[in-house]
N, C-alpha and C. Protein backbone atom coordinates (compact mmCIF):
# COMPACT_ATOMS: atom_id res chain seq x y z
N MET A 1 18.91 0.04 2.41
CA MET A 1 18.65 0.80 1.54
C MET A 1 18.87 2.07 2.09
N GLN A 2 19.40 3.35 1.38
CA GLN A 2 19.91 4.54 1.52
C GLN A 2 18.08 4.95 0.52
N ALA A 3 18.33 5.80 1.62
CA ALA A 3 16.80 6.80 1.07
C ALA A 3 16.88 7.41 -0.21
N ILE A 4 17.74 7.91 -0.46
CA ILE A 4 18.12 8.18 -2.21
C ILE A 4 18.06 7.07 -2.80
N ASP A 5 18.33 5.77 -2.70
CA ASP A 5 18.68 5.50 -3.80
C ASP A 5 17.11 4.77 -3.66
N LEU A 6 15.99 4.70 -2.90
CA LEU A 6 15.24 4.22 -2.76
C LEU A 6 14.33 5.65 -3.15
N LEU A 7 14.67 6.65 -3.35
CA LEU A 7 14.00 7.71 -4.66
C LEU A 7 14.37 7.77 -5.57
N LEU A 8 15.39 7.11 -5.94
CA LEU A 8 15.85 7.02 -7.17
C LEU A 8 15.76 5.63 -8.26
N ARG A 9 15.02 5.01 -7.16
CA ARG A 9 14.58 3.17 -7.81
C ARG A 9 13.20 3.19 -8.23
N ARG A 10 12.15 3.78 -7.56
CA ARG A 10 11.10 3.88 -7.38
C ARG A 10 10.84 3.69 -8.63
N ARG A 11 9.58 2.99 -8.57
CA ARG A 11 8.81 3.06 -10.11
C ARG A 11 7.61 2.27 -9.73
N SER A 12 6.37 2.21 -10.72
CA SER A 12 5.16 1.22 -10.79
C SER A 12 5.34 0.24 -10.94
N ALA A 13 4.98 -0.97 -10.16
CA ALA A 13 5.05 -2.71 -11.09
C ALA A 13 4.12 -2.16 -12.29
N LYS A 14 4.27 -3.86 -13.07
CA LYS A 14 3.60 -3.77 -14.00
C LYS A 14 2.29 -4.87 -13.29
N THR A 15 3.08 -6.14 -12.95
CA THR A 15 2.40 -6.88 -12.40
C THR A 15 2.76 -7.42 -10.69
N LEU A 16 1.63 -7.45 -10.02
CA LEU A 16 2.20 -7.35 -8.70
C LEU A 16 1.11 -8.82 -8.31
N THR A 17 1.61 -9.61 -7.52
CA THR A 17 0.67 -10.57 -6.94
C THR A 17 1.39 -10.96 -5.46
N GLU A 18 0.84 -12.30 -5.09
CA GLU A 18 1.00 -13.04 -3.61
C GLU A 18 2.58 -12.83 -3.48
N PRO A 19 3.21 -12.96 -2.36
CA PRO A 19 2.36 -12.55 -1.06
C PRO A 19 2.12 -10.85 -0.85
N GLY A 20 1.11 -10.55 -0.33
CA GLY A 20 0.95 -8.73 -0.24
C GLY A 20 1.69 -8.63 1.31
N PRO A 21 1.60 -7.40 1.42
CA PRO A 21 2.13 -7.06 3.32
C PRO A 21 1.58 -7.94 4.32
N ASP A 22 2.33 -8.11 4.82
CA ASP A 22 1.35 -9.13 6.27
C ASP A 22 0.91 -7.90 6.95
N GLU A 23 0.37 -8.15 8.50
CA GLU A 23 -0.14 -7.23 9.19
C GLU A 23 0.48 -6.50 9.76
N GLY A 24 2.17 -6.73 10.38
CA GLY A 24 3.19 -6.33 10.67
C GLY A 24 3.50 -4.54 9.36
N ALA A 25 3.54 -5.54 8.40
CA ALA A 25 4.18 -4.55 7.21
C ALA A 25 3.21 -3.45 6.90
N LEU A 26 1.67 -3.59 6.52
CA LEU A 26 0.58 -2.89 6.38
C LEU A 26 0.54 -1.66 7.68
N ALA A 27 0.96 -1.75 9.02
CA ALA A 27 0.73 -0.94 9.72
C ALA A 27 2.47 -0.08 9.43
N LEU A 28 2.89 -0.86 9.41
CA LEU A 28 4.26 0.11 8.69
C LEU A 28 4.01 1.18 7.76
N LEU A 29 3.51 0.74 6.50
CA LEU A 29 3.20 1.15 5.15
C LEU A 29 1.98 2.34 6.21
N LEU A 30 1.17 2.29 6.85
CA LEU A 30 0.65 3.13 7.22
C LEU A 30 1.07 4.15 8.39
N GLU A 31 1.92 3.27 8.99
CA GLU A 31 2.29 4.92 10.12
C GLU A 31 3.74 5.75 8.67
N SER A 32 3.88 4.85 8.14
CA SER A 32 5.16 5.70 6.70
C SER A 32 3.76 7.12 6.39
N ALA A 33 2.47 6.53 5.76
CA ALA A 33 1.73 7.42 5.01
C ALA A 33 1.61 8.24 6.15
N ALA A 34 1.07 8.16 7.86
CA ALA A 34 0.73 9.54 8.40
C ALA A 34 2.20 10.08 8.80
N ARG A 35 3.10 10.08 8.38
CA ARG A 35 4.34 10.93 8.62
C ARG A 35 4.38 12.18 7.52
N ALA A 36 3.10 11.98 6.71
CA ALA A 36 3.56 12.91 5.45
C ALA A 36 3.57 14.19 5.72
N PRO A 37 4.14 15.18 5.04
CA PRO A 37 4.02 16.70 5.52
C PRO A 37 2.67 16.67 5.26
N ASP A 38 2.23 17.98 6.30
CA ASP A 38 0.71 18.19 6.65
C ASP A 38 0.62 19.74 7.69
N HIS A 39 0.86 19.87 6.60
CA HIS A 39 0.05 21.78 7.33
C HIS A 39 -0.69 22.22 7.99
N GLY A 40 -0.75 22.24 8.79
CA GLY A 40 -2.31 22.79 9.91
C GLY A 40 -2.13 21.16 11.51
N ARG A 41 -1.33 20.20 10.72
CA ARG A 41 -1.78 19.11 11.38
C ARG A 41 -3.18 18.62 12.01
N LEU A 42 -3.57 18.49 10.20
CA LEU A 42 -5.15 18.40 10.48
C LEU A 42 -5.37 16.79 9.89
N ARG A 43 -4.34 16.01 10.08
CA ARG A 43 -4.26 14.69 8.97
C ARG A 43 -5.98 14.28 8.36
N PRO A 44 -5.95 15.18 7.05
CA PRO A 44 -6.85 15.04 6.06
C PRO A 44 -7.07 13.46 5.72
N TRP A 45 -6.24 12.78 5.61
CA TRP A 45 -6.19 11.28 4.81
C TRP A 45 -7.01 10.72 5.89
N ARG A 46 -7.24 9.90 5.19
CA ARG A 46 -8.28 8.36 5.69
C ARG A 46 -7.63 7.39 4.53
N PHE A 47 -7.05 6.39 5.32
CA PHE A 47 -6.92 4.88 4.71
C PHE A 47 -7.97 3.71 4.50
N ILE A 48 -8.67 3.77 3.36
CA ILE A 48 -9.08 1.76 3.17
C ILE A 48 -8.87 1.05 3.06
N VAL A 49 -8.28 -0.07 3.56
CA VAL A 49 -7.57 -1.06 3.41
C VAL A 49 -8.83 -2.22 2.86
N ILE A 50 -8.12 -2.75 1.87
CA ILE A 50 -9.31 -4.08 0.78
C ILE A 50 -8.40 -4.56 0.59
N GLN A 51 -8.53 -6.17 1.02
CA GLN A 51 -8.05 -7.16 0.95
C GLN A 51 -8.73 -8.22 1.21
N GLY A 52 -8.04 -9.51 0.49
CA GLY A 52 -9.16 -11.39 0.65
C GLY A 52 -10.56 -10.87 0.18
N PRO A 53 -11.24 -11.43 0.73
CA PRO A 53 -12.52 -11.27 0.44
C PRO A 53 -13.40 -10.18 -0.35
N ALA A 54 -13.05 -8.94 0.44
CA ALA A 54 -13.15 -7.48 0.25
C ALA A 54 -12.98 -7.59 -1.71
N ARG A 55 -12.06 -8.09 -1.71
CA ARG A 55 -11.74 -7.20 -3.44
C ARG A 55 -12.73 -7.96 -4.26
N ALA A 56 -12.93 -9.02 -4.14
CA ALA A 56 -14.52 -9.26 -4.47
C ALA A 56 -15.57 -8.72 -4.69
N ARG A 57 -16.04 -7.74 -3.85
CA ARG A 57 -17.35 -6.87 -3.54
C ARG A 57 -16.40 -5.54 -4.14
N PHE A 58 -15.25 -5.28 -4.29
CA PHE A 58 -14.82 -4.52 -4.06
C PHE A 58 -15.14 -3.51 -5.79
N GLY A 59 -14.69 -4.98 -6.39
CA GLY A 59 -14.51 -5.48 -7.61
C GLY A 59 -16.56 -4.80 -8.39
N GLU A 60 -17.00 -5.75 -7.83
CA GLU A 60 -18.61 -6.05 -8.14
C GLU A 60 -18.98 -3.91 -7.78
N LEU A 61 -18.58 -3.57 -7.07
CA LEU A 61 -18.86 -2.25 -7.06
C LEU A 61 -18.06 -1.53 -8.19
N MET A 62 -16.85 -1.48 -9.03
CA MET A 62 -16.18 -0.67 -10.00
C MET A 62 -17.05 -1.36 -11.09
N ALA A 63 -17.44 -2.50 -11.56
CA ALA A 63 -18.45 -2.49 -12.19
C ALA A 63 -19.45 -2.42 -12.99
N ALA A 64 -20.57 -2.09 -10.96
CA ALA A 64 -21.51 -1.12 -10.81
C ALA A 64 -21.14 0.27 -11.37
N GLN A 65 -20.02 0.60 -11.52
CA GLN A 65 -20.44 2.12 -11.40
C GLN A 65 -20.26 2.11 -12.54
N LEU A 66 -19.20 1.48 -13.47
CA LEU A 66 -19.00 1.81 -14.89
C LEU A 66 -20.61 1.28 -15.88
N HIS A 67 -21.36 0.24 -15.07
CA HIS A 67 -23.01 -0.11 -15.58
C HIS A 67 -23.98 1.57 -15.83
N ARG A 68 -23.33 2.05 -14.45
CA ARG A 68 -24.10 3.08 -14.40
C ARG A 68 -23.63 4.50 -15.34
N VAL A 69 -22.46 4.39 -15.43
CA VAL A 69 -22.05 5.56 -16.19
C VAL A 69 -21.92 4.71 -17.94
N ARG A 70 -21.88 3.57 -18.01
CA ARG A 70 -21.90 3.65 -19.42
C ARG A 70 -22.96 2.14 -19.77
N PRO A 71 -23.94 1.99 -19.47
CA PRO A 71 -25.31 0.91 -19.54
C PRO A 71 -24.72 0.19 -20.52
N ALA A 72 -24.55 0.87 -21.91
CA ALA A 72 -24.00 -0.17 -22.70
C ALA A 72 -22.76 -1.26 -22.72
N SER A 73 -22.06 -1.27 -21.78
CA SER A 73 -20.74 -1.65 -20.93
C SER A 73 -21.25 -3.21 -21.75
N THR A 74 -19.83 -3.28 -22.20
CA THR A 74 -20.55 -5.23 -22.38
C THR A 74 -19.82 -6.42 -21.09
N PRO A 75 -20.62 -7.31 -21.17
CA PRO A 75 -20.22 -8.08 -20.23
C PRO A 75 -18.71 -8.25 -20.36
N GLU A 76 -17.81 -8.29 -21.18
CA GLU A 76 -16.36 -8.66 -21.29
C GLU A 76 -15.96 -7.31 -20.39
N SER A 77 -16.38 -6.15 -20.89
CA SER A 77 -15.97 -4.68 -19.86
C SER A 77 -15.94 -4.25 -18.67
N LEU A 78 -17.62 -5.19 -18.33
CA LEU A 78 -18.05 -5.41 -17.30
C LEU A 78 -16.85 -6.45 -15.94
N GLU A 79 -16.34 -7.54 -16.46
CA GLU A 79 -15.64 -8.09 -16.20
C GLU A 79 -14.02 -8.12 -15.84
N ARG A 80 -13.70 -6.73 -17.34
CA ARG A 80 -12.27 -6.33 -16.90
C ARG A 80 -12.49 -5.28 -16.15
N GLU A 81 -13.69 -4.71 -15.63
CA GLU A 81 -13.50 -3.95 -14.33
C GLU A 81 -13.09 -4.23 -12.85
N ARG A 82 -14.46 -5.20 -12.99
CA ARG A 82 -14.30 -6.35 -11.69
C ARG A 82 -12.97 -6.61 -11.24
N GLN A 83 -12.20 -7.16 -12.22
CA GLN A 83 -10.79 -7.85 -12.11
C GLN A 83 -9.76 -6.33 -12.07
N LYS A 84 -9.86 -5.68 -11.97
CA LYS A 84 -8.94 -4.53 -11.35
C LYS A 84 -8.78 -4.57 -10.25
N ALA A 85 -9.71 -5.41 -9.30
CA ALA A 85 -10.09 -5.45 -7.97
C ALA A 85 -8.66 -6.81 -7.18
N PHE A 86 -8.39 -7.44 -8.74
CA PHE A 86 -7.68 -8.15 -8.13
C PHE A 86 -6.11 -7.68 -9.08
N ARG A 87 -5.39 -6.82 -9.14
CA ARG A 87 -4.45 -6.26 -9.62
C ARG A 87 -3.34 -6.57 -8.68
N ALA A 88 -3.50 -6.48 -7.41
CA ALA A 88 -2.77 -6.89 -5.93
C ALA A 88 -3.52 -7.51 -5.34
N PRO A 89 -2.59 -8.63 -3.82
CA PRO A 89 -3.46 -8.52 -2.84
C PRO A 89 -3.61 -7.25 -1.96
N LEU A 90 -3.30 -6.50 -2.25
CA LEU A 90 -3.54 -5.68 -1.49
C LEU A 90 -3.94 -3.96 -2.18
N ILE A 91 -4.75 -3.85 -1.60
CA ILE A 91 -5.49 -2.24 -1.82
C ILE A 91 -5.74 -1.10 -1.37
N ILE A 92 -4.61 -0.24 -0.99
CA ILE A 92 -4.84 1.32 0.00
C ILE A 92 -5.87 2.12 -0.38
N ALA A 93 -6.71 2.39 -0.26
CA ALA A 93 -7.47 3.66 -1.23
C ALA A 93 -7.50 4.74 0.20
N VAL A 94 -6.61 5.36 -0.73
CA VAL A 94 -6.02 7.38 0.20
C VAL A 94 -6.83 8.19 -0.23
N ALA A 95 -7.93 8.61 0.68
CA ALA A 95 -8.70 9.86 0.64
C ALA A 95 -8.46 11.06 1.27
N ALA A 96 -8.84 12.15 0.99
CA ALA A 96 -8.63 13.32 1.78
C ALA A 96 -9.94 13.72 1.64
N VAL A 97 -10.07 14.07 3.56
CA VAL A 97 -11.22 14.33 3.83
C VAL A 97 -10.82 16.13 4.53
N CYS A 98 -10.86 16.87 3.59
CA CYS A 98 -10.80 18.08 3.49
C CYS A 98 -11.67 18.81 4.85
N ASP A 99 -10.84 19.79 5.60
CA ASP A 99 -12.51 20.72 6.38
C ASP A 99 -11.81 22.07 6.08
N PRO A 100 -13.35 22.40 5.19
CA PRO A 100 -13.21 23.85 4.60
C PRO A 100 -12.71 25.20 5.48
N GLN A 101 -13.12 25.01 7.12
CA GLN A 101 -13.09 25.99 7.92
C GLN A 101 -11.65 26.37 8.08
N ALA A 102 -11.02 25.04 8.36
CA ALA A 102 -9.67 24.82 8.42
C ALA A 102 -8.83 26.20 7.96
N LYS A 103 -8.48 26.65 8.68
CA LYS A 103 -7.18 27.56 8.31
C LYS A 103 -5.96 27.36 7.10
N VAL A 104 -5.96 26.24 7.48
CA VAL A 104 -5.21 25.58 5.98
C VAL A 104 -5.94 25.82 4.21
N PRO A 105 -6.12 25.87 3.95
CA PRO A 105 -6.60 25.86 2.50
C PRO A 105 -6.92 24.26 2.04
N PRO A 106 -8.16 24.01 1.61
CA PRO A 106 -8.52 22.33 1.18
C PRO A 106 -7.40 22.07 0.19
N LEU A 107 -6.98 22.30 -0.48
CA LEU A 107 -5.86 22.49 -1.97
C LEU A 107 -4.57 21.81 -0.85
N GLU A 108 -4.31 22.53 0.39
CA GLU A 108 -2.81 21.75 0.72
C GLU A 108 -3.49 20.50 1.81
N GLN A 109 -4.67 20.13 2.19
CA GLN A 109 -5.56 19.38 3.08
C GLN A 109 -4.85 17.99 1.61
N LEU A 110 -5.94 18.12 0.32
CA LEU A 110 -5.69 17.56 -0.62
C LEU A 110 -4.59 17.09 -0.86
N LEU A 111 -3.20 17.80 -0.86
CA LEU A 111 -2.23 17.41 -1.16
C LEU A 111 -1.10 16.58 -0.02
N ALA A 112 -1.76 17.20 1.32
CA ALA A 112 -1.17 16.38 2.06
C ALA A 112 -1.44 14.60 2.00
N ALA A 113 -2.71 14.53 1.65
CA ALA A 113 -3.28 13.05 1.44
C ALA A 113 -2.38 12.63 0.20
N GLY A 114 -2.35 12.90 -0.57
CA GLY A 114 -1.48 12.50 -1.79
C GLY A 114 -0.03 12.87 -1.50
N CYS A 115 0.35 13.83 -0.49
CA CYS A 115 1.82 12.85 0.22
C CYS A 115 1.66 11.76 1.25
N ALA A 116 0.60 11.92 1.72
CA ALA A 116 0.19 10.76 2.36
C ALA A 116 0.17 9.09 1.85
N ALA A 117 -0.20 8.73 0.28
CA ALA A 117 -0.12 7.89 -0.75
C ALA A 117 1.34 7.59 -1.42
N GLY A 118 1.84 8.75 -1.16
CA GLY A 118 3.63 8.50 -1.91
C GLY A 118 4.40 7.78 -0.99
N ASN A 119 4.48 8.43 0.34
CA ASN A 119 4.92 7.45 1.59
C ASN A 119 4.70 6.19 1.65
N ILE A 120 3.35 5.41 1.25
CA ILE A 120 2.81 4.36 0.94
C ILE A 120 4.07 3.88 0.24
N LEU A 121 3.79 4.66 -1.01
CA LEU A 121 4.58 4.06 -2.55
C LEU A 121 6.13 3.72 -2.09
N LEU A 122 6.18 4.78 -1.54
CA LEU A 122 7.89 4.77 -0.84
C LEU A 122 8.12 3.38 0.44
N ALA A 123 7.43 3.15 1.38
CA ALA A 123 7.21 2.06 2.06
C ALA A 123 7.00 1.20 1.96
N ALA A 124 6.26 0.75 0.75
CA ALA A 124 6.48 -0.10 0.13
C ALA A 124 7.46 -1.10 -0.61
N GLN A 125 8.07 0.34 -1.01
CA GLN A 125 9.59 0.09 -2.00
C GLN A 125 10.68 -0.90 -0.71
N ALA A 126 10.79 -0.06 -0.19
CA ALA A 126 11.46 -0.22 1.60
C ALA A 126 11.43 -1.43 1.72
N LEU A 127 9.86 -1.98 1.98
CA LEU A 127 10.05 -2.77 2.93
C LEU A 127 10.12 -4.56 1.66
N GLY A 128 10.52 -4.10 0.42
CA GLY A 128 10.01 -4.83 -0.53
C GLY A 128 9.21 -5.86 -1.30
N PHE A 129 8.69 -4.99 -1.49
CA PHE A 129 7.33 -5.02 -1.84
C PHE A 129 7.24 -4.12 -3.29
N ASN A 130 5.87 -3.58 -4.03
CA ASN A 130 6.56 -2.50 -5.35
C ASN A 130 4.64 -2.23 -4.72
N ALA A 131 4.44 -1.49 -5.97
CA ALA A 131 2.47 -0.41 -5.89
C ALA A 131 2.64 0.04 -7.00
N VAL A 132 1.32 0.28 -7.29
CA VAL A 132 1.31 1.30 -8.16
C VAL A 132 -0.38 2.11 -8.10
N TRP A 133 -0.04 3.15 -8.19
CA TRP A 133 -1.04 4.51 -8.22
C TRP A 133 -1.69 4.49 -9.19
N LYS A 134 -3.24 4.31 -9.05
CA LYS A 134 -4.15 4.19 -9.84
C LYS A 134 -5.30 5.10 -9.44
N THR A 135 -5.81 5.68 -10.36
CA THR A 135 -7.52 6.06 -9.79
C THR A 135 -8.51 5.95 -10.79
N GLY A 136 -8.89 6.50 -12.09
CA GLY A 136 -9.93 6.38 -12.80
C GLY A 136 -11.26 6.53 -11.92
N ALA A 137 -11.95 6.31 -13.31
CA ALA A 137 -13.35 7.27 -13.06
C ALA A 137 -14.37 6.44 -11.30
N ALA A 138 -14.03 5.83 -10.94
CA ALA A 138 -14.44 4.70 -9.70
C ALA A 138 -13.36 5.59 -8.57
N ALA A 139 -12.92 6.63 -8.84
CA ALA A 139 -12.11 7.28 -7.45
C ALA A 139 -12.49 8.70 -7.20
N TYR A 140 -13.76 8.84 -8.45
CA TYR A 140 -14.44 10.19 -8.68
C TYR A 140 -16.05 10.34 -8.58
N ASP A 141 -16.29 8.73 -8.16
CA ASP A 141 -17.61 7.96 -7.91
C ASP A 141 -18.88 8.62 -6.58
N GLU A 142 -19.64 9.11 -6.60
CA GLU A 142 -20.10 9.54 -5.05
C GLU A 142 -20.79 8.05 -4.84
N THR A 143 -21.31 7.15 -5.18
CA THR A 143 -21.75 5.49 -4.55
C THR A 143 -20.49 5.41 -3.95
N ILE A 144 -19.14 5.11 -4.88
CA ILE A 144 -18.61 4.24 -4.41
C ILE A 144 -17.42 5.44 -3.11
N LYS A 145 -17.31 6.24 -3.12
CA LYS A 145 -16.95 7.11 -2.07
C LYS A 145 -18.04 6.55 -0.93
N THR A 146 -19.29 6.60 -1.03
CA THR A 146 -20.11 6.26 0.22
C THR A 146 -20.24 4.58 0.63
N ALA A 147 -19.78 3.68 -0.51
CA ALA A 147 -19.68 2.74 -0.15
C ALA A 147 -18.41 2.70 0.70
N LEU A 148 -17.34 3.50 0.35
CA LEU A 148 -15.85 3.11 1.10
C LEU A 148 -15.87 4.18 2.55
N GLY A 149 -16.69 4.47 2.81
CA GLY A 149 -17.12 5.13 4.25
C GLY A 149 -17.04 6.33 3.88
N LEU A 150 -16.63 7.40 3.15
CA LEU A 150 -16.61 8.42 2.68
C LEU A 150 -17.57 9.31 2.39
N THR A 151 -17.42 10.53 2.49
CA THR A 151 -19.13 11.14 1.76
C THR A 151 -18.62 12.05 0.69
N PRO A 152 -19.47 12.12 -0.10
CA PRO A 152 -19.17 12.48 -1.72
C PRO A 152 -18.50 13.59 -1.82
N LYS A 153 -18.39 14.69 -1.06
CA LYS A 153 -17.32 15.92 -0.48
C LYS A 153 -16.36 15.55 -0.86
N ASP A 154 -15.72 14.03 -0.09
CA ASP A 154 -14.20 13.91 0.10
C ASP A 154 -14.13 13.36 -1.19
N SER A 155 -12.26 13.67 -1.58
CA SER A 155 -11.44 13.44 -2.39
C SER A 155 -11.06 11.71 -2.44
N ILE A 156 -11.09 11.04 -3.08
CA ILE A 156 -10.03 9.75 -3.20
C ILE A 156 -9.29 9.84 -3.99
N VAL A 157 -7.71 10.25 -3.46
CA VAL A 157 -6.85 10.77 -4.27
C VAL A 157 -6.02 9.62 -4.86
N ALA A 158 -6.17 8.01 -4.33
CA ALA A 158 -5.19 7.39 -5.05
C ALA A 158 -6.23 5.59 -4.50
N PHE A 159 -6.32 4.96 -5.76
CA PHE A 159 -6.07 3.48 -5.25
C PHE A 159 -4.87 3.03 -5.13
N LEU A 160 -4.05 2.71 -4.45
CA LEU A 160 -2.99 2.55 -4.46
C LEU A 160 -2.87 0.49 -4.32
N TYR A 161 -2.28 -0.24 -5.47
CA TYR A 161 -2.28 -2.19 -5.43
C TYR A 161 -0.83 -1.87 -4.99
N VAL A 162 -0.36 -2.84 -3.94
CA VAL A 162 0.40 -3.38 -3.65
C VAL A 162 0.53 -4.85 -2.89
N GLY A 163 1.65 -5.62 -3.63
CA GLY A 163 1.80 -7.00 -3.60
C GLY A 163 3.49 -6.87 -4.07
N THR A 164 3.45 -7.95 -4.39
CA THR A 164 4.99 -9.11 -4.76
C THR A 164 5.04 -8.73 -6.18
N GLU A 165 6.16 -8.09 -6.84
CA GLU A 165 6.91 -7.92 -8.30
C GLU A 165 7.06 -9.64 -8.44
N PRO A 166 6.80 -9.90 -9.53
CA PRO A 166 7.33 -11.26 -9.66
C PRO A 166 8.60 -10.99 -9.99
N ALA A 167 9.39 -12.31 -9.80
CA ALA A 167 11.14 -12.35 -10.12
C ALA A 167 11.60 -11.89 -11.55
N GLY A 168 12.39 -10.62 -11.85
CA GLY A 168 12.46 -10.68 -13.24
C GLY A 168 11.72 -9.48 -13.83
N GLU A 169 10.83 -9.21 -13.36
CA GLU A 169 10.37 -8.14 -13.94
C GLU A 169 10.38 -6.38 -13.50
N GLY A 170 11.43 -6.82 -12.59
CA GLY A 170 11.47 -5.37 -11.92
C GLY A 170 13.16 -5.09 -12.49
N ALA A 171 12.56 -4.56 -13.72
CA ALA A 171 13.63 -3.73 -14.47
C ALA A 171 14.24 -2.34 -13.77
N PRO A 172 15.75 -2.09 -14.06
CA PRO A 172 15.97 -0.72 -13.38
C PRO A 172 15.11 0.56 -14.41
N PRO A 173 14.86 1.60 -13.42
CA PRO A 173 13.25 2.93 -14.11
C PRO A 173 14.44 3.37 -15.53
N PRO A 174 13.97 3.99 -16.70
CA PRO A 174 14.95 4.53 -17.47
C PRO A 174 15.53 5.85 -16.15
N ALA A 175 16.08 6.68 -16.91
CA ALA A 175 16.74 7.45 -16.35
C ALA A 175 15.45 8.39 -16.61
N THR A 176 15.34 9.67 -15.56
CA THR A 176 14.11 10.52 -15.30
C THR A 176 14.64 11.82 -15.99
N GLN A 177 14.28 12.18 -17.16
CA GLN A 177 14.41 13.31 -17.81
C GLN A 177 13.77 14.32 -16.63
N TRP A 178 13.96 15.47 -16.61
CA TRP A 178 13.85 16.73 -15.48
C TRP A 178 14.02 17.85 -15.73
N ARG A 179 15.11 18.20 -16.61
CA ARG A 179 16.49 19.53 -16.71
C ARG A 179 15.03 20.09 -17.83
N ASP A 180 14.03 19.77 -18.66
CA ASP A 180 13.40 20.74 -19.38
C ASP A 180 11.84 21.10 -17.81
N ARG A 181 11.89 20.66 -17.04
CA ARG A 181 10.90 20.75 -16.26
C ARG A 181 11.31 22.24 -15.04
N VAL A 182 12.42 22.62 -15.17
CA VAL A 182 13.04 23.39 -14.36
C VAL A 182 13.19 24.76 -14.78
N LEU A 183 13.19 25.43 -14.10
CA LEU A 183 13.09 26.91 -14.37
C LEU A 183 13.94 27.44 -13.35
N ILE A 184 15.15 28.25 -13.40
CA ILE A 184 15.74 29.01 -12.15
C ILE A 184 15.08 30.55 -12.42
N TRP A 185 14.78 30.89 -11.36
CA TRP A 185 14.32 31.82 -11.39
C TRP A 185 15.37 33.29 -10.63
N ASN A 186 15.46 34.43 -11.08
CA ASN A 186 16.30 34.74 -11.11
C ASN A 186 15.95 36.54 -10.57
N GLY A 187 15.03 36.47 -10.23
CA GLY A 187 13.51 38.02 -10.19
C GLY A 187 13.98 38.37 -11.32
């Protein structure tokens, strides 16, 4: 697949199942992420891989977070939150660990981590998988960040759900309208 085809065909999957990336494919996803643009070569990204039985523990973290912020949550809504960890066989949490003392502004460090997440999405597609980028309230929760080995000041920029899209569900993406988002500046 040509790189331009990959870029033009990329889309988020609705359903992701087994198989997920094996150890070799996961290494390629993360190597691709580490090639993201990175002003100052600070490598502000961190990747937390969640798979296998850890998904159940992650689901419990997400349900506990929902219960903390909405104590009146129904058992059904807590179970829906718990099941988000099973959207795909692999979850990669992508975080930005910014150095406020660096010459590169924290915003640029955050954007570098976002580019790393984007590279994972493209690499997954190139390897025959698909992925979807999610965040939600859990991405901004200090308790979840701490449980994932981050500090409260770090930023989770994405929970990337990676797996195989069932046959027949991979319809080509609709043509993207971009022209109304472009301004040609002539000084």
